[in-house]
PDB file of N, CA and C in Angstrom:
ATOM      1  N   UNK A   1     -13.732 -58.393  54.528  1.00  0.00           N
ATOM      2  CA  UNK A   1     -12.813 -57.771  53.645  1.00  0.00           C
ATOM      3  C   UNK A   1     -13.221 -58.412  52.313  1.00  0.00           C
ATOM      4  N   UNK A   2     -13.462 -59.719  52.229  1.00  0.00           N
ATOM      5  CA  UNK A   2     -13.725 -60.436  50.762  1.00  0.00           C
ATOM      6  C   UNK A   2     -15.096 -59.662  50.121  1.00  0.00           C
ATOM      7  N   UNK A   3     -15.995 -59.313  51.304  1.00  0.00           N
ATOM      8  CA  UNK A   3     -17.299 -59.010  50.667  1.00  0.00           C
ATOM      9  C   UNK A   3     -17.254 -57.534  49.911  1.00  0.00           C
ATOM     10  N   UNK A   4     -16.309 -56.735  50.524  1.00  0.00           N
ATOM     11  CA  UNK A   4     -15.894 -55.375  49.964  1.00  0.00           C
ATOM     12  C   UNK A   4     -15.344 -55.461  48.323  1.00  0.00           C
ATOM     13  N   UNK A   5     -14.410 -56.618  48.358  1.00  0.00           N
ATOM     14  CA  UNK A   5     -13.643 -56.606  47.043  1.00  0.00           C
ATOM     15  C   UNK A   5     -14.799 -57.310  45.983  1.00  0.00           C
ATOM     16  N   UNK A   6     -15.651 -58.220  46.422  1.00  0.00           N
ATOM     17  CA  UNK A   6     -16.782 -58.771  45.508  1.00  0.00           C
ATOM     18  C   UNK A   6     -17.593 -57.329  45.106  1.00  0.00           C
ATOM     19  N   UNK A   7     -18.249 -56.623  46.081  1.00  0.00           N
ATOM     20  CA  UNK A   7     -18.769 -55.450  45.926  1.00  0.00           C
ATOM     21  C   UNK A   7     -18.086 -54.422  45.033  1.00  0.00           C
ATOM     22  N   UNK A   8     -16.768 -54.165  45.133  1.00  0.00           N
ATOM     23  CA  UNK A   8     -16.482 -53.183  44.287  1.00  0.00           C
ATOM     24  C   UNK A   8     -16.300 -53.810  42.816  1.00  0.00           C
ATOM     25  N   UNK A   9     -15.822 -55.013  42.688  1.00  0.00           N
ATOM     26  CA  UNK A   9     -15.797 -55.557  41.139  1.00  0.00           C
ATOM     27  C   UNK A   9     -17.257 -55.540  40.782  1.00  0.00           C
ATOM     28  N   UNK A  10     -18.132 -55.770  41.466  1.00  0.00           N
ATOM     29  CA  UNK A  10     -19.574 -55.550  40.924  1.00  0.00           C
ATOM     30  C   UNK A  10     -19.918 -54.227  40.555  1.00  0.00           C
ATOM     31  N   UNK A  11     -19.605 -53.092  41.266  1.00  0.00           N
ATOM     32  CA  UNK A  11     -19.795 -51.998  40.929  1.00  0.00           C
ATOM     33  C   UNK A  11     -18.958 -51.529  39.637  1.00  0.00           C
ATOM     34  N   UNK A  12     -17.939 -51.944  39.559  1.00  0.00           N
ATOM     35  CA  UNK A  12     -16.923 -51.778  38.403  1.00  0.00           C
ATOM     36  C   UNK A  12     -17.634 -52.191  36.866  1.00  0.00           C
ATOM     37  N   UNK A  13     -17.907 -53.532  37.253  1.00  0.00           N
ATOM     38  CA  UNK A  13     -18.619 -54.057  36.110  1.00  0.00           C
ATOM     39  C   UNK A  13     -20.036 -53.504  35.844  1.00  0.00           C
ATOM     40  N   UNK A  14     -20.660 -53.089  36.653  1.00  0.00           N
ATOM     41  CA  UNK A  14     -21.995 -52.454  36.643  1.00  0.00           C
ATOM     42  C   UNK A  14     -21.826 -50.870  35.685  1.00  0.00           C
ATOM     43  N   UNK A  15     -20.751 -50.269  36.028  1.00  0.00           N
ATOM     44  CA  UNK A  15     -20.402 -49.163  35.465  1.00  0.00           C
ATOM     45  C   UNK A  15     -20.006 -49.365  34.168  1.00  0.00           C
ATOM     46  N   UNK A  16     -19.177 -50.445  33.720  1.00  0.00           N
ATOM     47  CA  UNK A  16     -19.042 -50.865  32.404  1.00  0.00           C
ATOM     48  C   UNK A  16     -20.300 -51.012  31.562  1.00  0.00           C
ATOM     49  N   UNK A  17     -21.072 -51.751  32.161  1.00  0.00           N
ATOM     50  CA  UNK A  17     -22.329 -52.236  31.489  1.00  0.00           C
ATOM     51  C   UNK A  17     -23.373 -51.056  31.044  1.00  0.00           C
ATOM     52  N   UNK A  18     -23.247 -50.138  32.185  1.00  0.00           N
ATOM     53  CA  UNK A  18     -24.041 -48.859  31.877  1.00  0.00           C
ATOM     54  C   UNK A  18     -23.743 -48.164  30.889  1.00  0.00           C
ATOM     55  N   UNK A  19     -22.232 -47.929  30.803  1.00  0.00           N
ATOM     56  CA  UNK A  19     -21.423 -46.922  29.610  1.00  0.00           C
ATOM     57  C   UNK A  19     -21.818 -47.734  28.202  1.00  0.00           C
ATOM     58  N   UNK A  20     -21.788 -49.052  28.126  1.00  0.00           N
ATOM     59  CA  UNK A  20     -21.759 -49.796  27.011  1.00  0.00           C
ATOM     60  C   UNK A  20     -23.421 -49.402  26.585  1.00  0.00           C
ATOM     61  N   UNK A  21     -24.093 -49.458  27.227  1.00  0.00           N
ATOM     62  CA  UNK A  21     -25.850 -49.292  26.762  1.00  0.00           C
ATOM     63  C   UNK A  21     -26.026 -48.043  26.551  1.00  0.00           C
ATOM     64  N   UNK A  22     -25.210 -47.073  27.167  1.00  0.00           N
ATOM     65  CA  UNK A  22     -25.862 -45.589  27.074  1.00  0.00           C
ATOM     66  C   UNK A  22     -24.808 -45.165  25.785  1.00  0.00           C
ATOM     67  N   UNK A  23     -23.833 -45.928  25.265  1.00  0.00           N
ATOM     68  CA  UNK A  23     -23.344 -45.720  23.950  1.00  0.00           C
ATOM     69  C   UNK A  23     -24.145 -45.979  22.859  1.00  0.00           C
ATOM     70  N   UNK A  24     -24.413 -47.429  23.320  1.00  0.00           N
ATOM     71  CA  UNK A  24     -25.391 -47.747  21.918  1.00  0.00           C
ATOM     72  C   UNK A  24     -26.998 -47.214  21.913  1.00  0.00           C
ATOM     73  N   UNK A  25     -27.309 -46.675  23.113  1.00  0.00           N
ATOM     74  CA  UNK A  25     -28.316 -45.760  22.916  1.00  0.00           C
ATOM     75  C   UNK A  25     -28.462 -44.403  22.312  1.00  0.00           C
ATOM     76  N   UNK A  26     -27.026 -43.949  22.354  1.00  0.00           N
ATOM     77  CA  UNK A  26     -26.900 -42.733  21.779  1.00  0.00           C
ATOM     78  C   UNK A  26     -26.582 -43.154  20.314  1.00  0.00           C
ATOM     79  N   UNK A  27     -26.082 -43.920  20.042  1.00  0.00           N
ATOM     80  CA  UNK A  27     -25.767 -44.622  18.477  1.00  0.00           C
ATOM     81  C   UNK A  27     -27.219 -44.787  17.876  1.00  0.00           C
ATOM     82  N   UNK A  28     -27.980 -45.032  18.456  1.00  0.00           N
ATOM     83  CA  UNK A  28     -29.245 -45.584  17.859  1.00  0.00           C
ATOM     84  C   UNK A  28     -30.091 -44.184  17.808  1.00  0.00           C
ATOM     85  N   UNK A  29     -29.965 -43.380  18.851  1.00  0.00           N
ATOM     86  CA  UNK A  29     -30.644 -42.215  18.580  1.00  0.00           C
ATOM     87  C   UNK A  29     -30.126 -41.296  17.322  1.00  0.00           C
ATOM     88  N   UNK A  30     -28.786 -41.408  17.324  1.00  0.00           N
ATOM     89  CA  UNK A  30     -28.193 -40.554  16.253  1.00  0.00           C
ATOM     90  C   UNK A  30     -28.612 -41.023  15.044  1.00  0.00           C
ATOM     91  N   UNK A  31     -28.779 -42.388  15.021  1.00  0.00           N
ATOM     92  CA  UNK A  31     -29.070 -42.844  13.903  1.00  0.00           C
ATOM     93  C   UNK A  31     -30.332 -42.652  13.204  1.00  0.00           C
ATOM     94  N   UNK A  32     -31.656 -42.591  14.112  1.00  0.00           N
ATOM     95  CA  UNK A  32     -32.821 -42.226  13.880  1.00  0.00           C
ATOM     96  C   UNK A  32     -33.016 -40.808  13.596  1.00  0.00           C
ATOM     97  N   UNK A  33     -32.139 -39.818  14.392  1.00  0.00           N
ATOM     98  CA  UNK A  33     -32.150 -38.327  13.785  1.00  0.00           C
ATOM     99  C   UNK A  33     -31.564 -38.295  12.415  1.00  0.00           C
ATOM    100  N   UNK A  34     -30.588 -39.040  12.006  1.00  0.00           N
ATOM    101  CA  UNK A  34     -30.008 -39.038  10.626  1.00  0.00           C
ATOM    102  C   UNK A  34     -30.985 -39.483   9.884  1.00  0.00           C
ATOM    103  N   UNK A  35     -31.894 -40.588   9.885  1.00  0.00           N
ATOM    104  CA  UNK A  35     -33.002 -40.813   8.977  1.00  0.00           C
ATOM    105  C   UNK A  35     -34.101 -39.805   8.699  1.00  0.00           C
ATOM    106  N   UNK A  36     -34.545 -39.362   9.771  1.00  0.00           N
ATOM    107  CA  UNK A  36     -35.435 -38.311   9.866  1.00  0.00           C
ATOM    108  C   UNK A  36     -34.836 -37.034   9.015  1.00  0.00           C
ATOM    109  N   UNK A  37     -33.199 -36.700   9.413  1.00  0.00           N
ATOM    110  CA  UNK A  37     -32.760 -35.724   8.619  1.00  0.00           C
ATOM    111  C   UNK A  37     -32.746 -35.704   6.994  1.00  0.00           C
ATOM    112  N   UNK A  38     -32.448 -37.046   6.534  1.00  0.00           N
ATOM    113  CA  UNK A  38     -32.109 -37.436   5.278  1.00  0.00           C
ATOM    114  C   UNK A  38     -33.439 -37.548   4.601  1.00  0.00           C
ATOM    115  N   UNK A  39     -34.444 -37.982   5.467  1.00  0.00           N
ATOM    116  CA  UNK A  39     -35.870 -38.132   4.771  1.00  0.00           C
ATOM    117  C   UNK A  39     -36.514 -36.501   4.515  1.00  0.00           C
ATOM    118  N   UNK A  40     -35.955 -35.653   5.216  1.00  0.00           N
ATOM    119  CA  UNK A  40     -36.569 -34.339   5.068  1.00  0.00           C
ATOM    120  C   UNK A  40     -35.846 -33.681   3.934  1.00  0.00           C
ATOM    121  N   UNK A  41     -34.530 -33.909   3.836  1.00  0.00           N
ATOM    122  CA  UNK A  41     -33.759 -33.324   2.773  1.00  0.00           C
ATOM    123  C   UNK A  41     -34.245 -33.846   1.329  1.00  0.00           C
ATOM    124  N   UNK A  42     -34.589 -35.469   1.303  1.00  0.00           N
ATOM    125  CA  UNK A  42     -35.112 -35.885   0.246  1.00  0.00           C
ATOM    126  C   UNK A  42     -36.345 -35.474  -0.065  1.00  0.00           C
ATOM    127  N   UNK A  43     -37.336 -34.733   0.833  1.00  0.00           N
ATOM    128  CA  UNK A  43     -38.701 -34.231   0.515  1.00  0.00           C
ATOM    129  C   UNK A  43     -38.205 -32.847  -0.044  1.00  0.00           C
ATOM    130  N   UNK A  44     -37.471 -32.248   0.274  1.00  0.00           N
ATOM    131  CA  UNK A  44     -37.326 -30.904  -0.588  1.00  0.00           C
ATOM    132  C   UNK A  44     -36.607 -31.232  -1.705  1.00  0.00           C
ATOM    133  N   UNK A  45     -35.242 -32.036  -1.623  1.00  0.00           N
ATOM    134  CA  UNK A  45     -34.421 -32.351  -2.728  1.00  0.00           C
ATOM    135  C   UNK A  45     -34.975 -32.721  -4.009  1.00  0.00           C
ATOM    136  N   UNK A  46     -36.039 -33.539  -3.601  1.00  0.00           N
ATOM    137  CA  UNK A  46     -36.947 -34.288  -4.874  1.00  0.00           C
ATOM    138  C   UNK A  46     -37.295 -33.278  -5.739  1.00  0.00           C
ATOM    139  N   UNK A  47     -37.925 -32.296  -5.215  1.00  0.00           N
ATOM    140  CA  UNK A  47     -38.509 -31.334  -6.219  1.00  0.00           C
ATOM    141  C   UNK A  47     -37.343 -30.544  -7.477  1.00  0.00           C
ATOM    142  N   UNK A  48     -35.868 -30.457  -6.884  1.00  0.00           N
ATOM    143  CA  UNK A  48     -34.982 -30.216  -7.747  1.00  0.00           C
ATOM    144  C   UNK A  48     -34.061 -31.383  -8.199  1.00  0.00           C
ATOM    145  N   UNK A  49     -34.338 -32.523  -7.823  1.00  0.00           N
ATOM    146  CA  UNK A  49     -33.939 -33.911  -8.360  1.00  0.00           C
ATOM    147  C   UNK A  49     -32.490 -34.222  -7.637  1.00  0.00           C
ATOM    148  N   UNK A  50     -32.367 -33.633  -6.478  1.00  0.00           N
ATOM    149  CA  UNK A  50     -31.005 -34.116  -5.665  1.00  0.00           C
ATOM    150  C   UNK A  50     -31.475 -34.923  -4.300  1.00  0.00           C
ATOM    151  N   UNK A  51     -31.496 -36.155  -4.401  1.00  0.00           N
ATOM    152  CA  UNK A  51     -31.946 -36.953  -3.379  1.00  0.00           C
ATOM    153  C   UNK A  51     -30.740 -37.867  -2.755  1.00  0.00           C
ATOM    154  N   UNK A  52     -30.837 -38.232  -1.659  1.00  0.00           N
ATOM    155  CA  UNK A  52     -29.688 -39.186  -0.852  1.00  0.00           C
ATOM    156  C   UNK A  52     -30.315 -40.586  -0.562  1.00  0.00           C
ATOM    157  N   UNK A  53     -29.660 -41.499  -1.013  1.00  0.00           N
ATOM    158  CA  UNK A  53     -30.592 -42.855  -0.682  1.00  0.00           C
ATOM    159  C   UNK A  53     -30.314 -43.243   0.855  1.00  0.00           C
ATOM    160  N   UNK A  54     -31.462 -43.504   1.606  1.00  0.00           N
ATOM    161  CA  UNK A  54     -31.743 -43.749   3.056  1.00  0.00           C
ATOM    162  C   UNK A  54     -31.229 -45.112   3.133  1.00  0.00           C
ATOM    163  N   UNK A  55     -30.179 -45.210   3.735  1.00  0.00           N
ATOM    164  CA  UNK A  55     -29.298 -46.687   4.245  1.00  0.00           C
ATOM    165  C   UNK A  55     -28.779 -46.474   5.841  1.00  0.00           C
ATOM    166  N   UNK A  56     -28.243 -47.364   6.003  1.00  0.00           N
ATOM    167  CA  UNK A  56     -27.654 -47.507   7.350  1.00  0.00           C
ATOM    168  C   UNK A  56     -26.264 -46.693   7.571  1.00  0.00           C
ATOM    169  N   UNK A  57     -25.550 -46.469   6.371  1.00  0.00           N
ATOM    170  CA  UNK A  57     -24.165 -45.543   6.491  1.00  0.00           C
ATOM    171  C   UNK A  57     -24.911 -44.301   6.340  1.00  0.00           C
ATOM    172  N   UNK A  58     -25.708 -43.700   5.504  1.00  0.00           N
ATOM    173  CA  UNK A  58     -26.152 -42.390   5.217  1.00  0.00           C
ATOM    174  C   UNK A  58     -27.005 -42.010   6.575  1.00  0.00           C
ATOM    175  N   UNK A  59     -27.712 -42.697   7.327  1.00  0.00           N
ATOM    176  CA  UNK A  59     -28.264 -42.509   8.430  1.00  0.00           C
ATOM    177  C   UNK A  59     -27.141 -42.095   9.725  1.00  0.00           C
ATOM    178  N   UNK A  60     -26.337 -43.065   9.672  1.00  0.00           N
ATOM    179  CA  UNK A  60     -25.137 -42.687  10.685  1.00  0.00           C
ATOM    180  C   UNK A  60     -24.284 -41.344  10.503  1.00  0.00           C
ATOM    181  N   UNK A  61     -24.027 -41.390   9.323  1.00  0.00           N
ATOM    182  CA  UNK A  61     -23.223 -39.954   8.488  1.00  0.00           C
ATOM    183  C   UNK A  61     -24.253 -38.747   9.115  1.00  0.00           C
ATOM    184  N   UNK A  62     -25.512 -38.807   8.768  1.00  0.00           N
ATOM    185  CA  UNK A  62     -26.270 -37.654   9.023  1.00  0.00           C
ATOM    186  C   UNK A  62     -26.519 -37.662  10.361  1.00  0.00           C
ATOM    187  N   UNK A  63     -26.349 -38.511  11.072  1.00  0.00           N
ATOM    188  CA  UNK A  63     -26.691 -38.584  12.679  1.00  0.00           C
ATOM    189  C   UNK A  63     -25.458 -37.855  13.517  1.00  0.00           C
ATOM    190  N   UNK A  64     -24.381 -38.414  12.991  1.00  0.00           N
ATOM    191  CA  UNK A  64     -23.012 -37.788  13.769  1.00  0.00           C
ATOM    192  C   UNK A  64     -22.550 -36.516  13.235  1.00  0.00           C
ATOM    193  N   UNK A  65     -22.690 -36.175  12.061  1.00  0.00           N
ATOM    194  CA  UNK A  65     -22.305 -35.120  11.499  1.00  0.00           C
ATOM    195  C   UNK A  65     -23.386 -33.745  11.138  1.00  0.00           C
ATOM    196  N   UNK A  66     -24.732 -34.469  11.342  1.00  0.00           N
ATOM    197  CA  UNK A  66     -25.759 -33.154  10.905  1.00  0.00           C
ATOM    198  C   UNK A  66     -25.921 -32.649   9.735  1.00  0.00           C
ATOM    199  N   UNK A  67     -26.298 -31.741   9.474  1.00  0.00           N
ATOM    200  CA  UNK A  67     -26.341 -31.060   8.349  1.00  0.00           C
ATOM    201  C   UNK A  67     -25.141 -30.903   7.352  1.00  0.00           C
ATOM    202  N   UNK A  68     -23.895 -30.673   7.981  1.00  0.00           N
ATOM    203  CA  UNK A  68     -22.642 -30.891   6.927  1.00  0.00           C
ATOM    204  C   UNK A  68     -22.651 -32.407   6.701  1.00  0.00           C
ATOM    205  N   UNK A  69     -22.942 -33.397   7.326  1.00  0.00           N
ATOM    206  CA  UNK A  69     -22.813 -34.612   6.821  1.00  0.00           C
ATOM    207  C   UNK A  69     -23.970 -34.857   5.706  1.00  0.00           C
ATOM    208  N   UNK A  70     -25.030 -34.555   5.689  1.00  0.00           N
ATOM    209  CA  UNK A  70     -25.908 -34.332   4.673  1.00  0.00           C
ATOM    210  C   UNK A  70     -25.059 -33.739   3.294  1.00  0.00           C
ATOM    211  N   UNK A  71     -24.867 -32.445   3.563  1.00  0.00           N
ATOM    212  CA  UNK A  71     -24.095 -31.733   2.535  1.00  0.00           C
ATOM    213  C   UNK A  71     -23.042 -32.586   1.899  1.00  0.00           C
ATOM    214  N   UNK A  72     -22.160 -33.177   2.751  1.00  0.00           N
ATOM    215  CA  UNK A  72     -21.019 -34.154   2.127  1.00  0.00           C
ATOM    216  C   UNK A  72     -21.608 -35.156   1.305  1.00  0.00           C
ATOM    217  N   UNK A  73     -22.573 -35.839   2.010  1.00  0.00           N
ATOM    218  CA  UNK A  73     -23.282 -36.956   1.137  1.00  0.00           C
ATOM    219  C   UNK A  73     -23.659 -36.484  -0.125  1.00  0.00           C
ATOM    220  N   UNK A  74     -24.426 -35.476  -0.428  1.00  0.00           N
ATOM    221  CA  UNK A  74     -24.800 -34.710  -1.339  1.00  0.00           C
ATOM    222  C   UNK A  74     -23.742 -34.482  -2.336  1.00  0.00           C
ATOM    223  N   UNK A  75     -22.612 -33.887  -1.916  1.00  0.00           N
ATOM    224  CA  UNK A  75     -21.621 -33.725  -2.906  1.00  0.00           C
ATOM    225  C   UNK A  75     -20.850 -34.923  -3.238  1.00  0.00           C
ATOM    226  N   UNK A  76     -20.787 -35.893  -2.424  1.00  0.00           N
ATOM    227  CA  UNK A  76     -20.209 -37.098  -3.079  1.00  0.00           C
ATOM    228  C   UNK A  76     -21.186 -37.676  -4.096  1.00  0.00           C
ATOM    229  N   UNK A  77     -22.411 -37.652  -3.698  1.00  0.00           N
ATOM    230  CA  UNK A  77     -23.263 -38.188  -4.706  1.00  0.00           C
ATOM    231  C   UNK A  77     -23.074 -37.660  -6.135  1.00  0.00           C
ATOM    232  N   UNK A  78     -23.231 -36.303  -6.078  1.00  0.00           N
ATOM    233  CA  UNK A  78     -22.807 -35.655  -7.571  1.00  0.00           C
ATOM    234  C   UNK A  78     -21.517 -35.856  -7.984  1.00  0.00           C
ATOM    235  N   UNK A  79     -20.504 -36.134  -7.302  1.00  0.00           N
ATOM    236  CA  UNK A  79     -19.270 -36.295  -7.939  1.00  0.00           C
ATOM    237  C   UNK A  79     -19.049 -37.614  -8.452  1.00  0.00           C
ATOM    238  N   UNK A  80     -19.828 -38.600  -8.013  1.00  0.00           N
ATOM    239  CA  UNK A  80     -19.831 -40.047  -8.344  1.00  0.00           C
ATOM    240  C   UNK A  80     -20.700 -40.426  -9.696  1.00  0.00           C
TER     241      UNK A  80
END
């Protein structure tokens, strides 16, 4: 009986550890995609004088929200 409790607790802990790593890997992937998206926008926007600085926050906003996030950052840049 005690072995089953230990095995069950180990499986629950393994489940939480796997979920933590998958969340961090998803966040990393979104950040990388965001940096690429902002970089591509800066390539095209540099012709017209509209660029967004590439940093941690802009990468995460672009990674989470995609193109609407880049547009939002661009609007924020022009308003300030």
